[in-house]
Amino acid sequence: MSGYIPVVDFSAYSLDNKRKNVNDADLEALTDELMQAFTTVGFVYLKNTGIPTSEPSSQVNNVFDVYDKFCFQPEAVKEKYSRPVDRTAERHGWMALEREMLSLVGRDTPAPGDLKECFNIHPPLTEGQTWPEEIPEFEPVMMDFYHKCHVIAMRLLELIARGLGVEDVDGFLGKFKYVGKGRNGTNLRTLRYPPVPDVIKKDQVRCGEHTDFGCLTLLFQDNHGLEVVNADGEYVPASPIPGTVVVNIADTLQRWSADKLKSTRHRVVMPESPEERQRVRRSIAYFFHCDSDVELNCLDGSDKYEPLLAREYLNQQVGATYLSG
């Protein structure tokens, strides 16, 4: 562990606490901790969120296990639920190994596809999109987890708004009213990184370096591999800490905050040791977006960035970052 990313205790505003029972002084202290991290590092480890993460029977492990069931299905079955191959990042559906490649802006030639297999869950489903009928528990397990992440993300957003000095906090939160209902890109992505083959392609990685597109990301992970750029521009490990979720600021919120909040580059690297290379890595990412028709006016009232619709900004970022798939 590098110790670069701070660990923040979210007990004061966990899922176990109703808003009316929350102590305002505790929330103010929590806000200060979060803002210190989000304006410098861009990442935190959040503990005591109310979502059990480390016990063998925890909800996180249940999501991992259900997605494993899907991954173990025959290829022909999985292809039925394949996500369309286009630049619409939040489309619902499955992506096979090497079907997607993330890269920072500026890369001249595409690298091989990432060594990961994932399923995007983007409710409500549109025409032609379906849940895997071979695994009846897939939809209820994933959607229950989606809703819990939504609550945590909204609580984080409320504290961030207060930390930024937003005058109308309720009005700001109202720009996220269509999460899970359409006109909003929020999605839950389950990922499985298989053991690394003996021979890999030149420049191939598990997940290329990138920043996230939306406002916030919640990441649950079971094994090593995640790395984050530090203040010196060097990558440092963001290894799993039992009982925590990794939270990071994403591009839309950085722009919206006139760069007060930091969207930080990160990646998932190939393991170095033979033992680690044979180990599966699993993660769950909840990508939290504001509503697509929200106009992104700088929250501090400045004109650092011209007003732009959220969906227009997302399209810009997707077009610049996805070189294939």
Protein backbone atom coordinates (compact mmCIF):
# COMPACT_ATOMS: atom_id res chain seq x y z
CA MET A 1 0.00 0.00 0.00
CA SER A 2 1.27 3.46 -0.88
CA GLY A 3 -0.79 5.23 1.77
CA TYR A 4 -1.49 7.95 -0.79
CA ILE A 5 -5.28 7.54 -0.81
CA PRO A 6 -6.88 8.46 2.55
CA VAL A 7 -9.34 6.22 4.36
CA VAL A 8 -12.50 8.07 5.42
CA ASP A 9 -15.06 6.75 7.90
CA PHE A 10 -18.58 7.19 6.47
CA SER A 11 -20.38 6.02 9.63
CA ALA A 12 -22.01 9.40 10.14
CA TYR A 13 -23.94 9.09 6.87
CA SER A 14 -24.00 5.34 6.18
CA LEU A 15 -26.99 3.43 4.85
CA ASP A 16 -27.74 2.50 8.46
CA ASN A 17 -28.43 6.13 9.37
CA LYS A 18 -31.63 7.93 8.47
CA ARG A 19 -31.10 11.60 7.60
CA LYS A 20 -33.18 12.81 10.56
CA ASN A 21 -30.91 10.95 12.97
CA VAL A 22 -27.66 12.31 11.56
CA ASN A 23 -25.56 14.66 13.69
CA ASP A 24 -24.81 17.87 11.79
CA ALA A 25 -21.44 18.34 13.48
CA ASP A 26 -20.42 14.84 12.41
CA LEU A 27 -21.53 15.58 8.86
CA GLU A 28 -19.51 18.80 8.80
CA ALA A 29 -16.39 16.93 9.91
CA LEU A 30 -17.04 14.23 7.31
CA THR A 31 -17.50 16.89 4.63
CA ASP A 32 -14.15 18.47 5.51
CA GLU A 33 -12.39 15.10 5.24
CA LEU A 34 -13.98 14.30 1.90
CA MET A 35 -13.25 17.72 0.42
CA GLN A 36 -9.62 17.56 1.48
CA ALA A 37 -9.28 14.27 -0.40
CA PHE A 38 -11.40 15.09 -3.44
CA THR A 39 -9.68 18.44 -4.10
CA THR A 40 -6.17 16.96 -3.93
CA VAL A 41 -6.03 13.21 -4.50
CA GLY A 42 -9.42 12.76 -6.18
CA PHE A 43 -9.81 9.35 -4.49
CA VAL A 44 -10.79 8.00 -1.06
CA TYR A 45 -11.31 4.64 0.55
CA LEU A 46 -14.72 4.84 2.23
CA LYS A 47 -15.37 2.53 5.18
CA ASN A 48 -18.58 1.84 7.10
CA THR A 49 -20.90 2.74 4.21
CA GLY A 50 -23.57 0.26 5.27
CA ILE A 51 -22.83 -2.05 2.31
CA PRO A 52 -21.02 -5.13 3.68
CA THR A 53 -17.96 -5.68 1.50
CA SER A 54 -15.60 -8.25 2.94
CA GLU A 55 -17.50 -11.14 4.55
CA PRO A 56 -17.76 -14.31 2.39
CA SER A 57 -21.55 -13.94 2.33
CA SER A 58 -21.56 -10.15 1.85
CA GLN A 59 -23.66 -8.46 -0.79
CA VAL A 60 -20.54 -7.52 -2.75
CA ASN A 61 -19.41 -11.15 -2.93
CA ASN A 62 -22.94 -12.14 -3.93
CA VAL A 63 -22.73 -9.77 -6.90
CA PHE A 64 -19.31 -11.20 -7.80
CA ASP A 65 -20.66 -14.74 -7.66
CA VAL A 66 -23.73 -14.00 -9.77
CA TYR A 67 -21.59 -12.36 -12.44
CA ASP A 68 -19.20 -15.33 -12.34
CA LYS A 69 -22.19 -17.56 -13.13
CA PHE A 70 -22.82 -15.48 -16.22
CA CYS A 71 -19.15 -15.53 -17.27
CA PHE A 72 -19.12 -19.33 -17.04
CA GLN A 73 -21.98 -19.62 -19.54
CA PRO A 74 -21.16 -20.79 -23.09
CA GLU A 75 -19.99 -18.04 -25.40
CA ALA A 76 -23.11 -18.39 -27.54
CA VAL A 77 -25.29 -17.67 -24.52
CA LYS A 78 -23.30 -14.59 -23.51
CA GLU A 79 -23.36 -13.23 -27.06
CA LYS A 80 -27.16 -13.01 -26.84
CA TYR A 81 -26.68 -10.22 -24.31
CA SER A 82 -23.79 -8.51 -26.05
CA ARG A 83 -23.65 -4.73 -25.91
CA PRO A 84 -23.69 -2.99 -29.31
CA VAL A 85 -20.18 -2.17 -30.46
CA ASP A 86 -20.28 1.61 -30.62
CA ARG A 87 -19.12 4.62 -28.64
CA THR A 88 -22.14 4.77 -26.36
CA ALA A 89 -20.36 4.06 -23.09
CA GLU A 90 -23.42 3.44 -20.95
CA ARG A 91 -25.17 0.89 -23.17
CA HIS A 92 -26.63 -2.12 -21.32
CA GLY A 93 -25.09 -5.50 -22.02
CA TRP A 94 -22.05 -7.78 -22.04
CA MET A 95 -18.61 -7.16 -23.51
CA ALA A 96 -16.24 -10.02 -24.29
CA LEU A 97 -12.51 -10.07 -23.61
CA GLU A 98 -10.56 -7.56 -25.73
CA ARG A 99 -13.75 -5.95 -27.07
CA GLU A 100 -13.00 -2.64 -25.37
CA MET A 101 -9.84 -0.59 -25.05
CA LEU A 102 -9.49 2.50 -22.91
CA SER A 103 -6.78 5.04 -23.61
CA LEU A 104 -5.99 8.59 -22.72
CA VAL A 105 -6.41 11.30 -25.33
CA GLY A 106 -3.33 11.62 -27.50
CA ARG A 107 -2.52 8.00 -28.29
CA ASP A 108 -1.68 7.71 -31.99
CA THR A 109 -2.29 4.01 -32.55
CA PRO A 110 -4.83 1.73 -30.87
CA ALA A 111 -3.45 -0.89 -28.50
CA PRO A 112 -4.92 -4.40 -28.20
CA GLY A 113 -8.23 -4.70 -26.36
CA ASP A 114 -8.22 -4.81 -22.58
CA LEU A 115 -8.06 -8.23 -20.90
CA LYS A 116 -11.37 -7.91 -19.12
CA GLU A 117 -14.91 -9.21 -19.50
CA CYS A 118 -17.72 -6.99 -18.26
CA PHE A 119 -21.47 -6.45 -18.14
CA ASN A 120 -22.99 -2.95 -18.10
CA ILE A 121 -26.27 -2.61 -16.22
CA HIS A 122 -28.05 0.53 -17.37
CA PRO A 123 -31.72 0.74 -16.33
CA PRO A 124 -34.30 1.16 -17.61
CA LEU A 125 -33.69 -1.34 -20.37
CA THR A 126 -34.67 -0.17 -23.85
CA GLU A 127 -36.12 -2.11 -26.75
CA GLY A 128 -34.01 -5.15 -27.58
CA GLN A 129 -32.17 -5.20 -24.25
CA THR A 130 -32.79 -8.09 -21.83
CA TRP A 131 -31.57 -9.64 -18.59
CA PRO A 132 -29.85 -13.05 -18.76
CA GLU A 133 -32.74 -15.50 -18.52
CA GLU A 134 -30.31 -18.35 -17.78
CA ILE A 135 -29.56 -16.76 -14.40
CA PRO A 136 -32.89 -15.71 -12.80
CA GLU A 137 -31.20 -14.02 -9.84
CA PHE A 138 -29.09 -11.75 -12.07
CA GLU A 139 -31.59 -8.89 -12.32
CA PRO A 140 -32.74 -8.71 -8.65
CA VAL A 141 -29.21 -9.03 -7.27
CA MET A 142 -27.77 -6.40 -9.59
CA MET A 143 -30.65 -3.95 -9.21
CA ASP A 144 -30.67 -4.16 -5.42
CA PHE A 145 -26.97 -3.36 -5.42
CA TYR A 146 -27.53 -0.55 -7.97
CA HIS A 147 -30.09 1.07 -5.65
CA LYS A 148 -27.82 0.88 -2.58
CA CYS A 149 -24.99 2.48 -4.53
CA HIS A 150 -27.41 5.20 -5.64
CA VAL A 151 -28.19 6.13 -2.03
CA ILE A 152 -24.50 6.29 -1.08
CA ALA A 153 -23.69 8.36 -4.17
CA MET A 154 -26.47 10.87 -3.43
CA ARG A 155 -25.25 11.26 0.14
CA LEU A 156 -21.71 11.83 -1.07
CA LEU A 157 -22.98 14.36 -3.57
CA GLU A 158 -24.88 16.24 -0.87
CA LEU A 159 -21.73 16.56 1.23
CA ILE A 160 -19.66 17.62 -1.78
CA ALA A 161 -22.23 20.30 -2.65
CA ARG A 162 -22.02 21.65 0.90
CA GLY A 163 -18.24 21.54 0.75
CA LEU A 164 -18.28 23.54 -2.49
CA GLY A 165 -20.58 26.14 -0.93
CA VAL A 166 -23.49 25.44 -3.29
CA GLU A 167 -26.35 27.64 -2.07
CA ASP A 168 -29.26 25.49 -3.26
CA VAL A 169 -28.13 21.98 -2.33
CA ASP A 170 -31.58 20.47 -2.91
CA GLY A 171 -31.74 22.09 -6.33
CA PHE A 172 -28.36 20.63 -7.18
CA LEU A 173 -29.41 17.15 -6.07
CA GLY A 174 -32.51 17.57 -8.24
CA LYS A 175 -30.24 17.37 -11.28
CA PHE A 176 -29.93 13.62 -10.58
CA LYS A 177 -33.65 12.79 -10.48
CA TYR A 178 -33.66 10.45 -13.49
CA VAL A 179 -31.04 7.99 -12.21
CA GLY A 180 -32.30 4.54 -13.25
CA LYS A 181 -35.28 6.05 -15.05
CA GLY A 182 -33.86 7.14 -18.41
CA ARG A 183 -32.27 10.38 -19.62
CA ASN A 184 -29.35 9.59 -17.32
CA GLY A 185 -26.14 7.61 -17.95
CA THR A 186 -25.68 6.10 -14.48
CA ASN A 187 -24.67 2.45 -14.82
CA LEU A 188 -23.33 -0.46 -12.79
CA ARG A 189 -20.50 -2.39 -14.40
CA THR A 190 -19.41 -5.83 -13.23
CA LEU A 191 -15.91 -6.78 -14.36
CA ARG A 192 -13.89 -9.98 -14.41
CA TYR A 193 -10.19 -10.01 -15.26
CA PRO A 194 -9.19 -13.62 -16.03
CA PRO A 195 -5.78 -15.15 -15.33
CA VAL A 196 -3.15 -13.65 -17.63
CA PRO A 197 -2.26 -15.91 -20.58
CA ASP A 198 1.36 -17.04 -20.99
CA VAL A 199 1.60 -14.91 -24.13
CA ILE A 200 -0.06 -11.49 -24.41
CA LYS A 201 -0.07 -8.93 -27.20
CA LYS A 202 2.28 -5.97 -27.29
CA ASP A 203 1.06 -3.10 -25.05
CA GLN A 204 -1.90 -5.16 -23.81
CA VAL A 205 -3.21 -4.31 -20.33
CA ARG A 206 -6.09 -5.27 -18.08
CA CYS A 207 -7.58 -1.77 -18.24
CA GLY A 208 -5.84 1.16 -19.90
CA GLU A 209 -5.16 4.45 -18.14
CA HIS A 210 -8.12 6.80 -18.15
CA THR A 211 -10.33 9.11 -16.13
CA ASP A 212 -14.00 8.36 -15.56
CA PHE A 213 -16.67 10.29 -17.47
CA GLY A 214 -19.46 11.03 -15.00
CA CYS A 215 -19.63 12.67 -11.58
CA LEU A 216 -18.60 9.98 -9.09
CA THR A 217 -17.49 6.36 -9.23
CA LEU A 218 -17.88 3.74 -6.49
CA LEU A 219 -15.54 0.78 -6.97
CA PHE A 220 -15.60 -2.54 -5.13
CA GLN A 221 -12.59 -4.82 -5.80
CA ASP A 222 -11.31 -8.15 -4.57
CA ASN A 223 -7.68 -8.29 -5.75
CA HIS A 224 -4.69 -6.10 -6.59
CA GLY A 225 -4.12 -4.26 -9.85
CA LEU A 226 -5.70 -0.81 -9.54
CA GLU A 227 -3.19 2.06 -9.70
CA VAL A 228 -3.76 5.82 -9.34
CA VAL A 229 -1.59 8.76 -10.44
CA ASN A 230 -0.19 10.69 -7.47
CA ALA A 231 0.76 14.36 -7.16
CA ASP A 232 4.16 13.66 -8.76
CA GLY A 233 2.58 12.09 -11.82
CA GLU A 234 3.62 8.58 -10.80
CA TYR A 235 1.34 5.57 -10.55
CA VAL A 236 0.88 4.14 -7.05
CA PRO A 237 -1.16 1.08 -6.01
CA ALA A 238 -4.75 1.41 -4.82
CA SER A 239 -4.96 -2.12 -3.48
CA PRO A 240 -8.11 -3.47 -1.81
CA ILE A 241 -8.64 -2.61 1.85
CA PRO A 242 -11.15 -4.99 3.45
CA GLY A 243 -14.41 -3.32 4.38
CA THR A 244 -13.97 -0.32 2.09
CA VAL A 245 -15.19 1.00 -1.25
CA VAL A 246 -12.96 3.16 -3.45
CA VAL A 247 -14.63 6.45 -4.45
CA ASN A 248 -13.29 8.87 -7.04
CA ILE A 249 -14.28 12.13 -8.68
CA ALA A 250 -14.99 11.90 -12.42
CA ASP A 251 -14.66 14.35 -15.32
CA THR A 252 -18.13 15.90 -15.32
CA LEU A 253 -17.93 16.91 -11.67
CA GLN A 254 -14.40 18.26 -12.09
CA ARG A 255 -15.58 20.50 -14.93
CA TRP A 256 -18.77 21.45 -13.09
CA SER A 257 -16.75 22.46 -10.02
CA ALA A 258 -14.46 24.64 -12.14
CA ASP A 259 -11.64 22.19 -11.38
CA LYS A 260 -11.90 22.46 -7.60
CA LEU A 261 -12.53 18.70 -7.54
CA LYS A 262 -9.96 16.42 -9.15
CA SER A 263 -10.66 13.65 -11.64
CA THR A 264 -7.55 11.48 -11.43
CA ARG A 265 -6.07 9.07 -13.96
CA HIS A 266 -6.06 5.40 -13.02
CA ARG A 267 -5.55 1.98 -14.61
CA VAL A 268 -5.52 -1.76 -13.90
CA VAL A 269 -2.09 -3.25 -14.59
CA MET A 270 -0.90 -6.75 -15.37
CA PRO A 271 0.33 -8.56 -12.24
CA GLU A 272 4.08 -9.17 -12.11
CA SER A 273 4.41 -12.35 -10.04
CA PRO A 274 3.49 -15.74 -11.55
CA GLU A 275 1.13 -16.36 -8.63
CA GLU A 276 -0.74 -13.09 -9.10
CA ARG A 277 -0.93 -13.60 -12.88
CA GLN A 278 -2.93 -16.76 -12.28
CA ARG A 279 -5.37 -15.01 -9.98
CA VAL A 280 -8.75 -13.70 -11.19
CA ARG A 281 -9.50 -10.07 -10.34
CA ARG A 282 -13.14 -8.99 -9.95
CA SER A 283 -14.60 -5.55 -9.47
CA ILE A 284 -17.90 -3.69 -9.50
CA ALA A 285 -17.99 -0.07 -10.65
CA TYR A 286 -20.98 2.21 -10.12
CA PHE A 287 -20.64 5.15 -12.52
CA PHE A 288 -22.84 7.98 -11.24
CA HIS A 289 -24.02 10.60 -13.74
CA CYS A 290 -26.20 13.67 -13.57
CA ASP A 291 -29.23 13.83 -15.86
CA SER A 292 -28.37 14.08 -19.54
CA ASP A 293 -30.20 17.37 -20.15
CA VAL A 294 -28.56 19.24 -17.24
CA GLU A 295 -26.68 22.37 -18.25
CA LEU A 296 -23.21 22.36 -16.72
CA ASN A 297 -22.74 25.91 -15.48
CA CYS A 298 -19.72 26.28 -13.17
CA LEU A 299 -21.01 25.84 -9.63
CA ASP A 300 -18.90 28.71 -8.29
CA GLY A 301 -20.55 31.16 -10.69
CA SER A 302 -17.37 31.62 -12.69
CA ASP A 303 -17.04 31.44 -16.46
CA LYS A 304 -14.03 29.11 -16.44
CA TYR A 305 -15.97 26.78 -18.74
CA GLU A 306 -18.77 27.72 -21.09
CA PRO A 307 -22.18 26.17 -20.32
CA LEU A 308 -22.63 22.77 -21.92
CA LEU A 309 -25.28 20.06 -21.68
CA ALA A 310 -24.12 17.01 -19.74
CA ARG A 311 -24.86 14.67 -22.65
CA GLU A 312 -22.78 16.84 -24.99
CA TYR A 313 -19.83 16.77 -22.61
CA LEU A 314 -20.18 13.01 -22.15
CA ASN A 315 -20.16 12.50 -25.92
CA GLN A 316 -16.97 14.56 -26.17
CA GLN A 317 -15.23 12.49 -23.50
CA VAL A 318 -16.37 9.16 -24.90
CA GLY A 319 -15.29 10.09 -28.42
CA ALA A 320 -11.83 11.12 -27.20
CA THR A 321 -11.21 8.18 -24.88
CA TYR A 322 -12.61 5.07 -26.55
CA LEU A 323 -10.40 4.16 -29.47
CA SER A 324 -12.30 0.96 -30.18
CA GLY A 325 -15.33 -0.97 -29.07
